[in-house]
Amino acid sequence: MDERLILEAGRVKDGLRVLVTGGGSGIGASVVDALRSAGAKVFVCDIDPSTSPDHVADISQGQQVEEMFRAIERDLGGLDVLVNNVGIAGPAGLVDEIDPNDFDEVLRVNLSGTFRVTACAVPLLRSADSGLIVNIASTAGIFPYPYRSPYVAAKWAIVGLGRSWAMELGEDNIRVNVICPGSVGGPRMDQVIQKEAQAKGVGEAETRSGYETQVSMRRFMDAADVAGAVVYMASPAGRHVSGQVLSVDGATESLRSS
């Protein structure tokens, strides 16, 4: 056994060229920090200019994605790893209460945006002779999740795309994996809880408690837990990990919060 692989599980090749979409805040920002600490050169895309990304873009817009990849080729000279992290939470409510336009918006950003970015990234990953794509999905991509139809539709699709792309791209030495985080504590989760509590007509404290008891470990996780999984996949120790769906969630039992 090559013990170096074990020792290198927390390191990546120096100068590894990485794109992280939605890297300005939340899970994305934690992934960026972890990869940079591990030795990578990271290009950050975000729609919010206040987060000071390397490139401001709405990834659901084809022209903006093409402009972003021109900047990546200019600044990085290529690409070794793509982390598809962009995602919006969308509305909460019963299926007949959700505006179809809101449903379309969630799929436009979360699903179509991920497809557009990946389609542009793959030729660069092929040119690098090896590559890695990590889709950040959610436990909502592997469990039923009432009151969140748009989000669930997008995340189940993100999981399916990841597993299908692993089959398509394996012969090109491009690995594809999916990470499904559980509930990550922070402002975004606070907003999710608030929306769901309003949709159900219950208190936020009750809804929060419901989320905490969904998982065996009975607590929210930290964005750094997801970042650690990404670093492992990008490290030499993860060189044969592909086509996998990894839950980083404290053992989700259900996504029914009440």
C-alpha atoms as a PDB file:
ATOM      1  CA  MET A   1       0.000   0.000   0.000  1.00  0.00           C
ATOM      2  CA  ASP A   2       1.277   3.460  -0.879  1.00  0.00           C
ATOM      3  CA  GLU A   3       1.190   5.236   2.481  1.00  0.00           C
ATOM      4  CA  ARG A   4       1.800   8.543   0.739  1.00  0.00           C
ATOM      5  CA  LEU A   5      -1.787   8.503  -0.477  1.00  0.00           C
ATOM      6  CA  ILE A   6      -3.034   8.441   3.096  1.00  0.00           C
ATOM      7  CA  LEU A   7      -0.718  11.258   4.114  1.00  0.00           C
ATOM      8  CA  GLU A   8      -1.817  13.328   1.121  1.00  0.00           C
ATOM      9  CA  ALA A   9      -5.570  13.063   1.762  1.00  0.00           C
ATOM     10  CA  GLY A  10      -5.576  16.650   3.001  1.00  0.00           C
ATOM     11  CA  ARG A  11      -3.340  18.070   0.278  1.00  0.00           C
ATOM     12  CA  VAL A  12      -3.720  18.642  -3.435  1.00  0.00           C
ATOM     13  CA  LYS A  13      -1.172  19.117  -6.178  1.00  0.00           C
ATOM     14  CA  ASP A  14       0.456  22.523  -5.774  1.00  0.00           C
ATOM     15  CA  GLY A  15      -1.099  24.951  -8.191  1.00  0.00           C
ATOM     16  CA  LEU A  16      -4.102  22.712  -8.931  1.00  0.00           C
ATOM     17  CA  ARG A  17      -6.422  24.903 -10.993  1.00  0.00           C
ATOM     18  CA  VAL A  18      -9.938  24.994  -9.577  1.00  0.00           C
ATOM     19  CA  LEU A  19     -13.182  26.790 -10.397  1.00  0.00           C
ATOM     20  CA  VAL A  20     -15.715  27.129  -7.582  1.00  0.00           C
ATOM     21  CA  THR A  21     -19.088  28.546  -8.585  1.00  0.00           C
ATOM     22  CA  GLY A  22     -21.010  30.371  -5.887  1.00  0.00           C
ATOM     23  CA  GLY A  23     -17.743  30.625  -4.003  1.00  0.00           C
ATOM     24  CA  GLY A  24     -18.350  33.989  -2.395  1.00  0.00           C
ATOM     25  CA  SER A  25     -20.208  32.822   0.693  1.00  0.00           C
ATOM     26  CA  GLY A  26     -21.516  29.818   2.625  1.00  0.00           C
ATOM     27  CA  ILE A  27     -20.366  26.364   1.599  1.00  0.00           C
ATOM     28  CA  GLY A  28     -18.664  27.748  -1.481  1.00  0.00           C
ATOM     29  CA  ALA A  29     -16.472  30.148   0.485  1.00  0.00           C
ATOM     30  CA  SER A  30     -15.472  27.363   2.861  1.00  0.00           C
ATOM     31  CA  VAL A  31     -14.543  25.134  -0.089  1.00  0.00           C
ATOM     32  CA  VAL A  32     -12.439  27.944  -1.562  1.00  0.00           C
ATOM     33  CA  ASP A  33     -10.569  28.498   1.717  1.00  0.00           C
ATOM     34  CA  ALA A  34      -9.930  24.777   2.217  1.00  0.00           C
ATOM     35  CA  LEU A  35      -8.647  24.229  -1.320  1.00  0.00           C
ATOM     36  CA  ARG A  36      -6.345  27.224  -1.147  1.00  0.00           C
ATOM     37  CA  SER A  37      -4.991  26.020   2.194  1.00  0.00           C
ATOM     38  CA  ALA A  38      -4.414  22.612   0.594  1.00  0.00           C
ATOM     39  CA  GLY A  39      -2.295  24.116  -2.201  1.00  0.00           C
ATOM     40  CA  ALA A  40      -4.766  24.862  -5.001  1.00  0.00           C
ATOM     41  CA  LYS A  41      -5.091  27.942  -7.173  1.00  0.00           C
ATOM     42  CA  VAL A  42      -8.798  28.770  -7.018  1.00  0.00           C
ATOM     43  CA  PHE A  43     -10.892  30.918  -9.353  1.00  0.00           C
ATOM     44  CA  VAL A  44     -14.059  32.108  -7.599  1.00  0.00           C
ATOM     45  CA  CYS A  45     -17.290  32.873  -9.429  1.00  0.00           C
ATOM     46  CA  ASP A  46     -20.251  34.495  -7.688  1.00  0.00           C
ATOM     47  CA  ILE A  47     -23.260  36.543  -8.705  1.00  0.00           C
ATOM     48  CA  ASP A  48     -22.794  38.911  -5.744  1.00  0.00           C
ATOM     49  CA  PRO A  49     -20.018  41.449  -6.376  1.00  0.00           C
ATOM     50  CA  SER A  50     -19.903  42.342  -2.674  1.00  0.00           C
ATOM     51  CA  THR A  51     -18.239  38.971  -1.987  1.00  0.00           C
ATOM     52  CA  SER A  52     -15.225  40.059  -4.105  1.00  0.00           C
ATOM     53  CA  PRO A  53     -15.116  37.043  -6.432  1.00  0.00           C
ATOM     54  CA  ASP A  54     -12.608  36.684  -9.241  1.00  0.00           C
ATOM     55  CA  HIS A  55     -15.505  36.894 -11.673  1.00  0.00           C
ATOM     56  CA  VAL A  56     -19.091  38.107 -11.280  1.00  0.00           C
ATOM     57  CA  ALA A  57     -21.549  36.022 -13.282  1.00  0.00           C
ATOM     58  CA  ASP A  58     -25.048  34.596 -13.365  1.00  0.00           C
ATOM     59  CA  ILE A  59     -24.241  31.053 -14.461  1.00  0.00           C
ATOM     60  CA  SER A  60     -27.715  30.536 -15.870  1.00  0.00           C
ATOM     61  CA  GLN A  61     -26.820  33.015 -18.626  1.00  0.00           C
ATOM     62  CA  GLY A  62     -24.849  31.416 -21.439  1.00  0.00           C
ATOM     63  CA  GLN A  63     -22.975  34.531 -22.542  1.00  0.00           C
ATOM     64  CA  GLN A  64     -21.831  35.249 -18.988  1.00  0.00           C
ATOM     65  CA  VAL A  65     -20.588  31.686 -18.592  1.00  0.00           C
ATOM     66  CA  GLU A  66     -18.611  31.937 -21.834  1.00  0.00           C
ATOM     67  CA  GLU A  67     -17.059  35.210 -20.657  1.00  0.00           C
ATOM     68  CA  MET A  68     -16.128  33.578 -17.363  1.00  0.00           C
ATOM     69  CA  PHE A  69     -14.301  30.742 -19.107  1.00  0.00           C
ATOM     70  CA  ARG A  70     -12.341  33.193 -21.220  1.00  0.00           C
ATOM     71  CA  ALA A  71     -11.208  34.775 -17.942  1.00  0.00           C
ATOM     72  CA  ILE A  72     -10.321  31.345 -16.521  1.00  0.00           C
ATOM     73  CA  GLU A  73      -8.162  30.480 -19.526  1.00  0.00           C
ATOM     74  CA  ARG A  74      -6.480  33.875 -19.253  1.00  0.00           C
ATOM     75  CA  ASP A  75      -5.880  33.729 -15.489  1.00  0.00           C
ATOM     76  CA  LEU A  76      -5.323  30.002 -14.870  1.00  0.00           C
ATOM     77  CA  GLY A  77      -4.264  28.756 -18.295  1.00  0.00           C
ATOM     78  CA  GLY A  78      -6.612  25.785 -17.997  1.00  0.00           C
ATOM     79  CA  LEU A  79      -8.638  23.874 -15.435  1.00  0.00           C
ATOM     80  CA  ASP A  80      -8.161  20.739 -13.330  1.00  0.00           C
ATOM     81  CA  VAL A  81     -11.166  20.777 -11.009  1.00  0.00           C
ATOM     82  CA  LEU A  82     -14.715  22.138 -11.224  1.00  0.00           C
ATOM     83  CA  VAL A  83     -16.834  22.505  -8.100  1.00  0.00           C
ATOM     84  CA  ASN A  84     -20.474  23.113  -9.076  1.00  0.00           C
ATOM     85  CA  ASN A  85     -21.691  24.813  -5.924  1.00  0.00           C
ATOM     86  CA  VAL A  86     -24.167  27.454  -7.095  1.00  0.00           C
ATOM     87  CA  GLY A  87     -27.677  26.968  -5.787  1.00  0.00           C
ATOM     88  CA  ILE A  88     -30.668  28.967  -4.588  1.00  0.00           C
ATOM     89  CA  ALA A  89     -33.137  27.730  -1.984  1.00  0.00           C
ATOM     90  CA  GLY A  90     -36.319  28.772  -3.769  1.00  0.00           C
ATOM     91  CA  PRO A  91     -39.812  28.961  -2.296  1.00  0.00           C
ATOM     92  CA  ALA A  92     -41.460  26.771   0.314  1.00  0.00           C
ATOM     93  CA  GLY A  93     -45.069  25.624   0.082  1.00  0.00           C
ATOM     94  CA  LEU A  94     -47.440  22.956  -1.118  1.00  0.00           C
ATOM     95  CA  VAL A  95     -47.238  22.069  -4.791  1.00  0.00           C
ATOM     96  CA  ASP A  96     -50.418  23.994  -5.618  1.00  0.00           C
ATOM     97  CA  GLU A  97     -49.201  27.054  -3.713  1.00  0.00           C
ATOM     98  CA  ILE A  98     -45.874  27.534  -5.493  1.00  0.00           C
ATOM     99  CA  ASP A  99     -45.741  29.950  -8.411  1.00  0.00           C
ATOM    100  CA  PRO A 100     -44.653  28.014 -11.528  1.00  0.00           C
ATOM    101  CA  ASN A 101     -42.348  30.912 -12.397  1.00  0.00           C
ATOM    102  CA  ASP A 102     -40.538  30.421  -9.093  1.00  0.00           C
ATOM    103  CA  PHE A 103     -40.216  26.720  -9.897  1.00  0.00           C
ATOM    104  CA  ASP A 104     -38.676  27.560 -13.278  1.00  0.00           C
ATOM    105  CA  GLU A 105     -36.268  30.039 -11.677  1.00  0.00           C
ATOM    106  CA  VAL A 106     -34.855  27.448  -9.281  1.00  0.00           C
ATOM    107  CA  LEU A 107     -34.252  24.979 -12.119  1.00  0.00           C
ATOM    108  CA  ARG A 108     -32.803  27.719 -14.322  1.00  0.00           C
ATOM    109  CA  VAL A 109     -30.140  28.565 -11.749  1.00  0.00           C
ATOM    110  CA  ASN A 110     -29.508  25.292  -9.929  1.00  0.00           C
ATOM    111  CA  LEU A 111     -29.819  22.852 -12.815  1.00  0.00           C
ATOM    112  CA  SER A 112     -29.391  24.649 -16.127  1.00  0.00           C
ATOM    113  CA  GLY A 113     -26.587  26.766 -14.675  1.00  0.00           C
ATOM    114  CA  THR A 114     -24.713  23.675 -13.534  1.00  0.00           C
ATOM    115  CA  PHE A 115     -25.108  22.119 -16.979  1.00  0.00           C
ATOM    116  CA  ARG A 116     -23.857  25.256 -18.766  1.00  0.00           C
ATOM    117  CA  VAL A 117     -20.755  25.554 -16.596  1.00  0.00           C
ATOM    118  CA  THR A 118     -19.908  21.866 -16.891  1.00  0.00           C
ATOM    119  CA  ALA A 119     -20.329  21.861 -20.661  1.00  0.00           C
ATOM    120  CA  CYS A 120     -17.758  24.662 -20.904  1.00  0.00           C
ATOM    121  CA  ALA A 121     -15.417  23.090 -18.349  1.00  0.00           C
ATOM    122  CA  VAL A 122     -15.130  19.604 -19.841  1.00  0.00           C
ATOM    123  CA  PRO A 123     -12.922  20.547 -22.834  1.00  0.00           C
ATOM    124  CA  LEU A 124     -10.457  22.192 -20.435  1.00  0.00           C
ATOM    125  CA  LEU A 125     -10.512  19.173 -18.124  1.00  0.00           C
ATOM    126  CA  ARG A 126      -9.819  16.904 -21.095  1.00  0.00           C
ATOM    127  CA  SER A 127      -6.864  19.064 -22.095  1.00  0.00           C
ATOM    128  CA  ALA A 128      -5.442  18.676 -18.583  1.00  0.00           C
ATOM    129  CA  ASP A 129      -5.289  14.877 -19.128  1.00  0.00           C
ATOM    130  CA  SER A 130      -7.152  14.324 -15.874  1.00  0.00           C
ATOM    131  CA  GLY A 131      -9.835  16.179 -14.045  1.00  0.00           C
ATOM    132  CA  LEU A 132     -12.458  16.244 -11.349  1.00  0.00           C
ATOM    133  CA  ILE A 133     -16.009  17.543 -11.207  1.00  0.00           C
ATOM    134  CA  VAL A 134     -17.758  17.800  -7.861  1.00  0.00           C
ATOM    135  CA  ASN A 135     -21.470  18.594  -7.809  1.00  0.00           C
ATOM    136  CA  ILE A 136     -22.646  20.016  -4.501  1.00  0.00           C
ATOM    137  CA  ALA A 137     -26.197  18.700  -4.207  1.00  0.00           C
ATOM    138  CA  SER A 138     -28.069  18.123  -0.928  1.00  0.00           C
ATOM    139  CA  THR A 139     -29.672  15.386   1.100  1.00  0.00           C
ATOM    140  CA  ALA A 140     -32.749  16.773  -0.681  1.00  0.00           C
ATOM    141  CA  GLY A 141     -31.291  15.066  -3.751  1.00  0.00           C
ATOM    142  CA  ILE A 142     -31.630  11.600  -2.220  1.00  0.00           C
ATOM    143  CA  PHE A 143     -34.583  11.960   0.210  1.00  0.00           C
ATOM    144  CA  PRO A 144     -38.164  13.131  -0.314  1.00  0.00           C
ATOM    145  CA  TYR A 145     -38.508  16.692   0.995  1.00  0.00           C
ATOM    146  CA  PRO A 146     -42.065  18.038   1.413  1.00  0.00           C
ATOM    147  CA  TYR A 147     -42.845  21.737   0.822  1.00  0.00           C
ATOM    148  CA  ARG A 148     -39.739  22.196  -1.347  1.00  0.00           C
ATOM    149  CA  SER A 149     -40.711  20.909  -4.811  1.00  0.00           C
ATOM    150  CA  PRO A 150     -38.447  23.194  -6.896  1.00  0.00           C
ATOM    151  CA  TYR A 151     -35.367  22.587  -4.764  1.00  0.00           C
ATOM    152  CA  VAL A 152     -35.937  18.831  -4.673  1.00  0.00           C
ATOM    153  CA  ALA A 153     -36.413  18.639  -8.436  1.00  0.00           C
ATOM    154  CA  ALA A 154     -33.121  20.440  -9.032  1.00  0.00           C
ATOM    155  CA  LYS A 155     -31.092  18.492  -6.482  1.00  0.00           C
ATOM    156  CA  TRP A 156     -32.309  15.043  -7.569  1.00  0.00           C
ATOM    157  CA  ALA A 157     -31.348  16.062 -11.104  1.00  0.00           C
ATOM    158  CA  ILE A 158     -27.891  17.250  -9.967  1.00  0.00           C
ATOM    159  CA  VAL A 159     -27.271  13.816  -8.435  1.00  0.00           C
ATOM    160  CA  GLY A 160     -28.392  12.083 -11.629  1.00  0.00           C
ATOM    161  CA  LEU A 161     -26.218  14.289 -13.794  1.00  0.00           C
ATOM    162  CA  GLY A 162     -23.169  13.606 -11.645  1.00  0.00           C
ATOM    163  CA  ARG A 163     -23.524   9.853 -11.868  1.00  0.00           C
ATOM    164  CA  SER A 164     -24.213  10.006 -15.612  1.00  0.00           C
ATOM    165  CA  TRP A 165     -21.258  12.305 -16.287  1.00  0.00           C
ATOM    166  CA  ALA A 166     -18.990   9.914 -14.390  1.00  0.00           C
ATOM    167  CA  MET A 167     -19.937   7.238 -16.933  1.00  0.00           C
ATOM    168  CA  GLU A 168     -19.490   9.593 -19.885  1.00  0.00           C
ATOM    169  CA  LEU A 169     -16.136  11.026 -18.858  1.00  0.00           C
ATOM    170  CA  GLY A 170     -14.341   8.159 -17.143  1.00  0.00           C
ATOM    171  CA  GLU A 171     -12.413   7.177 -20.262  1.00  0.00           C
ATOM    172  CA  ASP A 172     -11.136  10.763 -20.432  1.00  0.00           C
ATOM    173  CA  ASN A 173      -9.698  10.302 -16.925  1.00  0.00           C
ATOM    174  CA  ILE A 174     -12.211  12.801 -15.566  1.00  0.00           C
ATOM    175  CA  ARG A 175     -13.784  11.808 -12.276  1.00  0.00           C
ATOM    176  CA  VAL A 176     -17.232  13.040 -11.249  1.00  0.00           C
ATOM    177  CA  ASN A 177     -18.696  12.858  -7.750  1.00  0.00           C
ATOM    178  CA  VAL A 178     -21.622  14.337  -5.876  1.00  0.00           C
ATOM    179  CA  ILE A 179     -21.603  15.598  -2.291  1.00  0.00           C
ATOM    180  CA  CYS A 180     -24.935  15.814  -0.487  1.00  0.00           C
ATOM    181  CA  PRO A 181     -24.663  18.112   2.530  1.00  0.00           C
ATOM    182  CA  GLY A 182     -27.228  18.045   5.296  1.00  0.00           C
ATOM    183  CA  SER A 183     -28.446  21.157   7.120  1.00  0.00           C
ATOM    184  CA  VAL A 184     -25.569  23.624   7.410  1.00  0.00           C
ATOM    185  CA  GLY A 185     -25.968  26.167  10.172  1.00  0.00           C
ATOM    186  CA  GLY A 186     -25.886  29.823   9.136  1.00  0.00           C
ATOM    187  CA  PRO A 187     -27.921  32.638   7.550  1.00  0.00           C
ATOM    188  CA  ARG A 188     -29.103  30.576   4.592  1.00  0.00           C
ATOM    189  CA  MET A 189     -30.494  27.831   6.822  1.00  0.00           C
ATOM    190  CA  ASP A 190     -32.148  30.485   8.965  1.00  0.00           C
ATOM    191  CA  GLN A 191     -33.979  31.737   5.857  1.00  0.00           C
ATOM    192  CA  VAL A 192     -35.046  28.208   4.903  1.00  0.00           C
ATOM    193  CA  ILE A 193     -36.464  27.648   8.374  1.00  0.00           C
ATOM    194  CA  GLN A 194     -38.289  30.969   8.293  1.00  0.00           C
ATOM    195  CA  LYS A 195     -39.886  30.232   4.905  1.00  0.00           C
ATOM    196  CA  GLU A 196     -40.927  26.722   5.897  1.00  0.00           C
ATOM    197  CA  ALA A 197     -42.370  27.871   9.220  1.00  0.00           C
ATOM    198  CA  GLN A 198     -44.462  30.465   7.398  1.00  0.00           C
ATOM    199  CA  ALA A 199     -45.626  27.913   4.812  1.00  0.00           C
ATOM    200  CA  LYS A 200     -46.720  25.512   7.551  1.00  0.00           C
ATOM    201  CA  GLY A 201     -48.120  28.139   9.895  1.00  0.00           C
ATOM    202  CA  VAL A 202     -45.903  27.030  12.793  1.00  0.00           C
ATOM    203  CA  GLY A 203     -43.167  28.650  14.854  1.00  0.00           C
ATOM    204  CA  GLU A 204     -39.563  28.919  13.721  1.00  0.00           C
ATOM    205  CA  ALA A 205     -38.281  27.270  16.914  1.00  0.00           C
ATOM    206  CA  GLU A 206     -40.464  24.226  16.238  1.00  0.00           C
ATOM    207  CA  THR A 207     -39.267  24.033  12.650  1.00  0.00           C
ATOM    208  CA  ARG A 208     -35.617  24.362  13.679  1.00  0.00           C
ATOM    209  CA  SER A 209     -36.017  21.597  16.240  1.00  0.00           C
ATOM    210  CA  GLY A 210     -37.575  19.415  13.553  1.00  0.00           C
ATOM    211  CA  TYR A 211     -34.546  19.879  11.328  1.00  0.00           C
ATOM    212  CA  GLU A 212     -32.173  19.029  14.164  1.00  0.00           C
ATOM    213  CA  THR A 213     -33.988  15.781  14.919  1.00  0.00           C
ATOM    214  CA  GLN A 214     -33.962  14.689  11.270  1.00  0.00           C
ATOM    215  CA  VAL A 215     -30.396  13.451  11.653  1.00  0.00           C
ATOM    216  CA  SER A 216     -28.979  10.786  13.936  1.00  0.00           C
ATOM    217  CA  MET A 217     -26.334  13.133  15.320  1.00  0.00           C
ATOM    218  CA  ARG A 218     -29.048  15.664  16.225  1.00  0.00           C
ATOM    219  CA  ARG A 219     -27.207  18.815  15.172  1.00  0.00           C
ATOM    220  CA  PHE A 220     -26.513  21.062  12.225  1.00  0.00           C
ATOM    221  CA  MET A 221     -23.211  20.659  10.442  1.00  0.00           C
ATOM    222  CA  ASP A 222     -20.586  23.200   9.432  1.00  0.00           C
ATOM    223  CA  ALA A 223     -19.627  24.253   5.909  1.00  0.00           C
ATOM    224  CA  ALA A 224     -16.068  23.140   6.671  1.00  0.00           C
ATOM    225  CA  ASP A 225     -17.301  19.534   6.813  1.00  0.00           C
ATOM    226  CA  VAL A 226     -18.301  19.764   3.141  1.00  0.00           C
ATOM    227  CA  ALA A 227     -15.060  21.518   2.244  1.00  0.00           C
ATOM    228  CA  GLY A 228     -13.036  18.692   3.759  1.00  0.00           C
ATOM    229  CA  ALA A 229     -14.806  16.173   1.547  1.00  0.00           C
ATOM    230  CA  VAL A 230     -14.030  18.247  -1.554  1.00  0.00           C
ATOM    231  CA  VAL A 231     -10.341  18.454  -0.632  1.00  0.00           C
ATOM    232  CA  TYR A 232     -10.205  14.684  -0.194  1.00  0.00           C
ATOM    233  CA  MET A 233     -11.738  14.110  -3.630  1.00  0.00           C
ATOM    234  CA  ALA A 234      -9.234  16.531  -5.183  1.00  0.00           C
ATOM    235  CA  SER A 235      -6.269  14.962  -3.374  1.00  0.00           C
ATOM    236  CA  PRO A 236      -4.128  12.030  -4.580  1.00  0.00           C
ATOM    237  CA  ALA A 237      -5.985   9.833  -2.077  1.00  0.00           C
ATOM    238  CA  GLY A 238      -9.192  10.303  -4.067  1.00  0.00           C
ATOM    239  CA  ARG A 239      -7.722   9.417  -7.446  1.00  0.00           C
ATOM    240  CA  HIS A 240     -10.044   6.423  -8.010  1.00  0.00           C
ATOM    241  CA  VAL A 241     -13.170   7.870  -6.398  1.00  0.00           C
ATOM    242  CA  SER A 242     -15.710   8.524  -9.134  1.00  0.00           C
ATOM    243  CA  GLY A 243     -19.417   8.102  -9.715  1.00  0.00           C
ATOM    244  CA  GLN A 244     -20.068   8.379  -5.980  1.00  0.00           C
ATOM    245  CA  VAL A 245     -22.754  10.199  -4.007  1.00  0.00           C
ATOM    246  CA  LEU A 246     -21.354  11.097  -0.600  1.00  0.00           C
ATOM    247  CA  SER A 247     -23.661  12.330   2.146  1.00  0.00           C
ATOM    248  CA  VAL A 248     -21.994  14.671   4.625  1.00  0.00           C
ATOM    249  CA  ASP A 249     -24.928  15.096   6.946  1.00  0.00           C
ATOM    250  CA  GLY A 250     -24.691  13.362  10.309  1.00  0.00           C
ATOM    251  CA  ALA A 251     -26.867  10.469   9.058  1.00  0.00           C
ATOM    252  CA  THR A 252     -30.131  11.871   7.757  1.00  0.00           C
ATOM    253  CA  GLU A 253     -33.155   9.782   8.744  1.00  0.00           C
ATOM    254  CA  SER A 254     -35.852  11.872   7.051  1.00  0.00           C
ATOM    255  CA  LEU A 255     -36.419  15.341   5.639  1.00  0.00           C
ATOM    256  CA  ARG A 256     -39.861  15.664   7.173  1.00  0.00           C
ATOM    257  CA  SER A 257     -39.322  18.322   9.819  1.00  0.00           C
ATOM    258  CA  SER A 258     -42.660  17.868  11.601  1.00  0.00           C
END
